[in-house]
Amino acid sequence: MKTIAYKKLFRDRIPEIIEEDGKHCVCSVLSEEDYVRLLDQKLDEELKEYQESKSMEELADLLEVIRAVALARGSSMEEVEQIRIKKAEKRGGFEKRILLETVMED
């Protein structure tokens, strides 16, 4: 039997999907500390996948991990969105496509 080691965070239904495919997997439940650490790693992984593919599916995966990070850190997407709105009101968004090239000081 071929065994592949992953040791990384997967979506909740992946073990069920693996079993339905006739395979067997071994999983464990992470401590809160390890969960947050692995979510941060997953965030890096999903960002890299999006940057390579530019696909909306990968962007959606990134958003799902962001949602999980917010929840794991005691927040919510609603709170993150409110923070985003306040910051956009104060500092603007990115719609104008401004490239800051230099700043001169006296």
N, C-alpha and C. Protein backbone atom coordinates (compact mmCIF):
# COMPACT_ATOMS: atom_id res chain seq x y z
N MET A 1 0.83 -1.18 0.00
CA MET A 1 0.00 0.00 0.00
C MET A 1 0.88 1.25 0.00
N LYS A 2 0.56 2.20 -0.87
CA LYS A 2 1.29 3.46 -0.97
C LYS A 2 0.77 4.44 0.08
N THR A 3 1.68 5.10 0.80
CA THR A 3 1.32 6.08 1.82
C THR A 3 1.94 7.43 1.45
N ILE A 4 1.12 8.46 1.50
CA ILE A 4 1.59 9.81 1.24
C ILE A 4 1.39 10.62 2.51
N ALA A 5 2.45 11.25 3.01
CA ALA A 5 2.37 12.07 4.22
C ALA A 5 2.13 13.52 3.83
N TYR A 6 1.18 14.15 4.46
CA TYR A 6 0.85 15.55 4.17
C TYR A 6 1.21 16.48 5.33
N LYS A 7 0.77 16.17 6.53
CA LYS A 7 1.03 16.99 7.72
C LYS A 7 0.69 18.46 7.49
N LYS A 8 -0.49 18.71 6.92
CA LYS A 8 -0.93 20.08 6.73
C LYS A 8 -2.44 20.15 6.89
N LEU A 9 -2.92 21.35 7.06
CA LEU A 9 -4.33 21.61 7.29
C LEU A 9 -5.12 21.45 5.99
N PHE A 10 -6.22 20.71 6.07
CA PHE A 10 -7.10 20.51 4.92
C PHE A 10 -8.52 20.94 5.28
N ARG A 11 -9.33 21.16 4.28
CA ARG A 11 -10.75 21.47 4.49
C ARG A 11 -11.44 20.31 5.21
N ASP A 12 -12.50 20.63 5.94
CA ASP A 12 -13.17 19.68 6.83
C ASP A 12 -13.69 18.41 6.15
N ARG A 13 -14.13 18.50 4.93
CA ARG A 13 -14.72 17.33 4.27
C ARG A 13 -13.73 16.47 3.50
N ILE A 14 -12.47 16.88 3.45
CA ILE A 14 -11.47 16.13 2.67
C ILE A 14 -11.33 14.68 3.16
N PRO A 15 -11.25 14.41 4.48
CA PRO A 15 -11.16 13.00 4.91
C PRO A 15 -12.36 12.17 4.43
N GLU A 16 -13.54 12.73 4.49
CA GLU A 16 -14.76 12.05 4.02
C GLU A 16 -14.66 11.75 2.52
N ILE A 17 -14.19 12.70 1.76
CA ILE A 17 -14.04 12.54 0.32
C ILE A 17 -13.00 11.46 0.01
N ILE A 18 -11.91 11.43 0.77
CA ILE A 18 -10.87 10.41 0.59
C ILE A 18 -11.45 9.03 0.86
N GLU A 19 -12.19 8.90 1.95
CA GLU A 19 -12.81 7.61 2.31
C GLU A 19 -13.82 7.17 1.23
N GLU A 20 -14.60 8.10 0.70
CA GLU A 20 -15.57 7.79 -0.35
C GLU A 20 -14.87 7.30 -1.61
N ASP A 21 -13.62 7.70 -1.78
CA ASP A 21 -12.82 7.29 -2.94
C ASP A 21 -12.17 5.92 -2.71
N GLY A 22 -12.49 5.28 -1.57
CA GLY A 22 -11.96 3.96 -1.29
C GLY A 22 -10.59 3.95 -0.66
N LYS A 23 -10.13 5.07 -0.21
CA LYS A 23 -8.82 5.18 0.42
C LYS A 23 -9.01 5.35 1.92
N HIS A 24 -7.94 5.22 2.67
CA HIS A 24 -7.98 5.39 4.12
C HIS A 24 -7.03 6.52 4.49
N CYS A 25 -7.44 7.34 5.46
CA CYS A 25 -6.56 8.42 5.90
C CYS A 25 -6.55 8.47 7.42
N VAL A 26 -5.47 8.98 7.96
CA VAL A 26 -5.32 9.16 9.40
C VAL A 26 -5.28 10.66 9.66
N CYS A 27 -6.15 11.12 10.55
CA CYS A 27 -6.26 12.54 10.88
C CYS A 27 -6.23 12.71 12.39
N SER A 28 -5.96 13.91 12.82
CA SER A 28 -6.05 14.25 14.24
C SER A 28 -6.59 15.66 14.35
N VAL A 29 -7.03 16.03 15.55
CA VAL A 29 -7.55 17.36 15.79
C VAL A 29 -6.44 18.20 16.42
N LEU A 30 -6.24 19.38 15.87
CA LEU A 30 -5.15 20.25 16.31
C LEU A 30 -5.52 21.00 17.59
N SER A 31 -4.51 21.35 18.35
CA SER A 31 -4.70 22.28 19.46
C SER A 31 -5.00 23.64 18.85
N GLU A 32 -5.55 24.54 19.64
CA GLU A 32 -5.87 25.89 19.15
C GLU A 32 -4.61 26.59 18.64
N GLU A 33 -3.51 26.44 19.37
CA GLU A 33 -2.24 27.07 18.98
C GLU A 33 -1.73 26.53 17.65
N ASP A 34 -1.74 25.20 17.50
CA ASP A 34 -1.29 24.60 16.24
C ASP A 34 -2.22 24.94 15.09
N TYR A 35 -3.53 24.99 15.38
CA TYR A 35 -4.51 25.34 14.36
C TYR A 35 -4.23 26.73 13.79
N VAL A 36 -4.02 27.71 14.64
CA VAL A 36 -3.75 29.08 14.17
C VAL A 36 -2.44 29.12 13.40
N ARG A 37 -1.44 28.41 13.89
CA ARG A 37 -0.13 28.38 13.20
C ARG A 37 -0.28 27.77 11.80
N LEU A 38 -1.02 26.67 11.71
CA LEU A 38 -1.20 26.02 10.41
C LEU A 38 -2.13 26.82 9.49
N LEU A 39 -3.07 27.55 10.07
CA LEU A 39 -3.88 28.46 9.25
C LEU A 39 -3.00 29.53 8.61
N ASP A 40 -2.06 30.06 9.38
CA ASP A 40 -1.14 31.05 8.84
C ASP A 40 -0.31 30.46 7.70
N GLN A 41 0.12 29.22 7.85
CA GLN A 41 0.85 28.54 6.77
C GLN A 41 -0.06 28.35 5.56
N LYS A 42 -1.31 27.97 5.81
CA LYS A 42 -2.28 27.76 4.73
C LYS A 42 -2.53 29.06 3.98
N LEU A 43 -2.56 30.16 4.70
CA LEU A 43 -2.73 31.48 4.09
C LEU A 43 -1.60 31.74 3.09
N ASP A 44 -0.38 31.46 3.49
CA ASP A 44 0.77 31.61 2.59
C ASP A 44 0.64 30.70 1.37
N GLU A 45 0.24 29.45 1.62
CA GLU A 45 0.09 28.46 0.55
C GLU A 45 -0.97 28.90 -0.47
N GLU A 46 -2.12 29.33 0.03
CA GLU A 46 -3.21 29.73 -0.87
C GLU A 46 -2.86 31.01 -1.62
N LEU A 47 -2.16 31.94 -0.97
CA LEU A 47 -1.73 33.15 -1.66
C LEU A 47 -0.77 32.80 -2.80
N LYS A 48 0.15 31.92 -2.53
CA LYS A 48 1.11 31.49 -3.57
C LYS A 48 0.37 30.84 -4.74
N GLU A 49 -0.61 29.98 -4.42
CA GLU A 49 -1.37 29.31 -5.49
C GLU A 49 -2.14 30.33 -6.32
N TYR A 50 -2.72 31.33 -5.65
CA TYR A 50 -3.43 32.36 -6.40
C TYR A 50 -2.46 33.16 -7.28
N GLN A 51 -1.32 33.54 -6.71
CA GLN A 51 -0.36 34.34 -7.47
C GLN A 51 0.14 33.59 -8.70
N GLU A 52 0.25 32.27 -8.59
CA GLU A 52 0.70 31.47 -9.74
C GLU A 52 -0.39 31.31 -10.79
N SER A 53 -1.63 31.10 -10.36
CA SER A 53 -2.70 30.77 -11.30
C SER A 53 -3.58 31.95 -11.70
N LYS A 54 -3.72 32.92 -10.80
CA LYS A 54 -4.63 34.06 -10.98
C LYS A 54 -6.09 33.61 -11.13
N SER A 55 -6.42 32.40 -10.68
CA SER A 55 -7.78 31.89 -10.83
C SER A 55 -8.68 32.36 -9.70
N MET A 56 -9.95 32.56 -10.04
CA MET A 56 -10.93 32.98 -9.04
C MET A 56 -11.17 31.87 -8.02
N GLU A 57 -10.98 30.62 -8.41
CA GLU A 57 -11.11 29.50 -7.47
C GLU A 57 -10.04 29.60 -6.37
N GLU A 58 -8.83 29.91 -6.75
CA GLU A 58 -7.75 30.07 -5.77
C GLU A 58 -7.99 31.32 -4.91
N LEU A 59 -8.54 32.36 -5.51
CA LEU A 59 -8.87 33.56 -4.74
C LEU A 59 -9.96 33.23 -3.70
N ALA A 60 -10.93 32.40 -4.10
CA ALA A 60 -11.98 31.96 -3.17
C ALA A 60 -11.38 31.12 -2.04
N ASP A 61 -10.41 30.27 -2.36
CA ASP A 61 -9.73 29.48 -1.32
C ASP A 61 -9.03 30.40 -0.34
N LEU A 62 -8.40 31.42 -0.85
CA LEU A 62 -7.71 32.40 0.00
C LEU A 62 -8.71 33.09 0.93
N LEU A 63 -9.85 33.45 0.39
CA LEU A 63 -10.88 34.09 1.20
C LEU A 63 -11.40 33.14 2.29
N GLU A 64 -11.54 31.86 1.97
CA GLU A 64 -11.98 30.88 2.97
C GLU A 64 -10.98 30.76 4.11
N VAL A 65 -9.71 30.79 3.79
CA VAL A 65 -8.68 30.72 4.84
C VAL A 65 -8.69 32.02 5.66
N ILE A 66 -8.87 33.14 5.01
CA ILE A 66 -8.96 34.41 5.74
C ILE A 66 -10.13 34.36 6.72
N ARG A 67 -11.26 33.83 6.28
CA ARG A 67 -12.43 33.69 7.16
C ARG A 67 -12.09 32.82 8.36
N ALA A 68 -11.42 31.70 8.12
CA ALA A 68 -11.05 30.79 9.20
C ALA A 68 -10.06 31.45 10.17
N VAL A 69 -9.12 32.22 9.65
CA VAL A 69 -8.16 32.93 10.51
C VAL A 69 -8.89 33.93 11.39
N ALA A 70 -9.81 34.68 10.81
CA ALA A 70 -10.57 35.67 11.59
C ALA A 70 -11.33 34.98 12.72
N LEU A 71 -12.01 33.88 12.42
CA LEU A 71 -12.75 33.14 13.45
C LEU A 71 -11.82 32.57 14.51
N ALA A 72 -10.70 32.00 14.08
CA ALA A 72 -9.76 31.39 15.03
C ALA A 72 -9.14 32.44 15.96
N ARG A 73 -9.07 33.67 15.49
CA ARG A 73 -8.50 34.75 16.31
C ARG A 73 -9.59 35.55 17.03
N GLY A 74 -10.81 34.97 17.08
CA GLY A 74 -11.88 35.57 17.85
C GLY A 74 -12.61 36.70 17.17
N SER A 75 -12.53 36.78 15.86
CA SER A 75 -13.16 37.84 15.11
C SER A 75 -14.18 37.22 14.15
N SER A 76 -14.54 37.98 13.14
CA SER A 76 -15.48 37.50 12.12
C SER A 76 -15.18 38.23 10.81
N MET A 77 -15.73 37.72 9.74
CA MET A 77 -15.57 38.40 8.45
C MET A 77 -16.28 39.75 8.48
N GLU A 78 -17.38 39.83 9.23
CA GLU A 78 -18.09 41.09 9.35
C GLU A 78 -17.20 42.15 10.00
N GLU A 79 -16.49 41.75 11.05
CA GLU A 79 -15.58 42.69 11.71
C GLU A 79 -14.43 43.07 10.79
N VAL A 80 -13.88 42.09 10.09
CA VAL A 80 -12.80 42.37 9.14
C VAL A 80 -13.30 43.33 8.06
N GLU A 81 -14.52 43.11 7.57
CA GLU A 81 -15.09 43.98 6.54
C GLU A 81 -15.30 45.40 7.07
N GLN A 82 -15.74 45.54 8.31
CA GLN A 82 -15.91 46.87 8.90
C GLN A 82 -14.57 47.59 9.02
N ILE A 83 -13.54 46.86 9.41
CA ILE A 83 -12.20 47.44 9.49
C ILE A 83 -11.74 47.87 8.10
N ARG A 84 -12.00 47.02 7.09
CA ARG A 84 -11.63 47.33 5.72
C ARG A 84 -12.33 48.61 5.26
N ILE A 85 -13.62 48.73 5.54
CA ILE A 85 -14.39 49.91 5.13
C ILE A 85 -13.85 51.17 5.78
N LYS A 86 -13.59 51.11 7.10
CA LYS A 86 -13.06 52.28 7.80
C LYS A 86 -11.70 52.69 7.22
N LYS A 87 -10.87 51.70 6.94
CA LYS A 87 -9.55 52.00 6.38
C LYS A 87 -9.68 52.60 4.98
N ALA A 88 -10.61 52.06 4.18
CA ALA A 88 -10.83 52.59 2.83
C ALA A 88 -11.35 54.01 2.88
N GLU A 89 -12.24 54.29 3.84
CA GLU A 89 -12.76 55.65 3.99
C GLU A 89 -11.66 56.63 4.36
N LYS A 90 -10.75 56.18 5.21
CA LYS A 90 -9.67 57.05 5.69
C LYS A 90 -8.52 57.18 4.69
N ARG A 91 -8.13 56.05 4.09
CA ARG A 91 -6.92 56.04 3.26
C ARG A 91 -7.19 55.72 1.79
N GLY A 92 -8.44 55.36 1.48
CA GLY A 92 -8.78 55.02 0.10
C GLY A 92 -8.61 53.54 -0.17
N GLY A 93 -9.02 53.16 -1.37
CA GLY A 93 -8.87 51.77 -1.82
C GLY A 93 -7.73 51.68 -2.81
N PHE A 94 -7.93 50.86 -3.83
CA PHE A 94 -6.89 50.68 -4.86
C PHE A 94 -7.44 50.88 -6.27
N GLU A 95 -8.67 51.42 -6.37
CA GLU A 95 -9.34 51.55 -7.66
C GLU A 95 -8.65 52.51 -8.62
N LYS A 96 -7.98 53.52 -8.10
CA LYS A 96 -7.35 54.53 -8.95
C LYS A 96 -6.01 54.06 -9.53
N ARG A 97 -5.55 52.90 -9.11
CA ARG A 97 -4.32 52.29 -9.65
C ARG A 97 -3.10 53.19 -9.50
N ILE A 98 -2.97 53.86 -8.38
CA ILE A 98 -1.88 54.81 -8.14
C ILE A 98 -0.59 54.07 -7.80
N LEU A 99 0.47 54.42 -8.51
CA LEU A 99 1.81 53.91 -8.22
C LEU A 99 2.59 55.05 -7.60
N LEU A 100 2.94 54.93 -6.32
CA LEU A 100 3.75 55.95 -5.65
C LEU A 100 5.20 55.68 -6.02
N GLU A 101 5.80 56.60 -6.73
CA GLU A 101 7.16 56.40 -7.22
C GLU A 101 8.20 56.99 -6.29
N THR A 102 8.01 58.24 -5.90
CA THR A 102 9.00 58.86 -5.01
C THR A 102 8.29 59.88 -4.11
N VAL A 103 8.94 60.18 -3.00
CA VAL A 103 8.51 61.26 -2.10
C VAL A 103 9.75 62.09 -1.80
N MET A 104 9.64 63.42 -1.95
CA MET A 104 10.75 64.30 -1.67
C MET A 104 10.51 65.01 -0.36
N GLU A 105 11.54 65.10 0.45
CA GLU A 105 11.45 65.85 1.71
C GLU A 105 12.47 66.98 1.68
N ASP A 106 12.11 68.09 2.33
CA ASP A 106 13.07 69.21 2.45
C ASP A 106 13.98 68.99 3.62
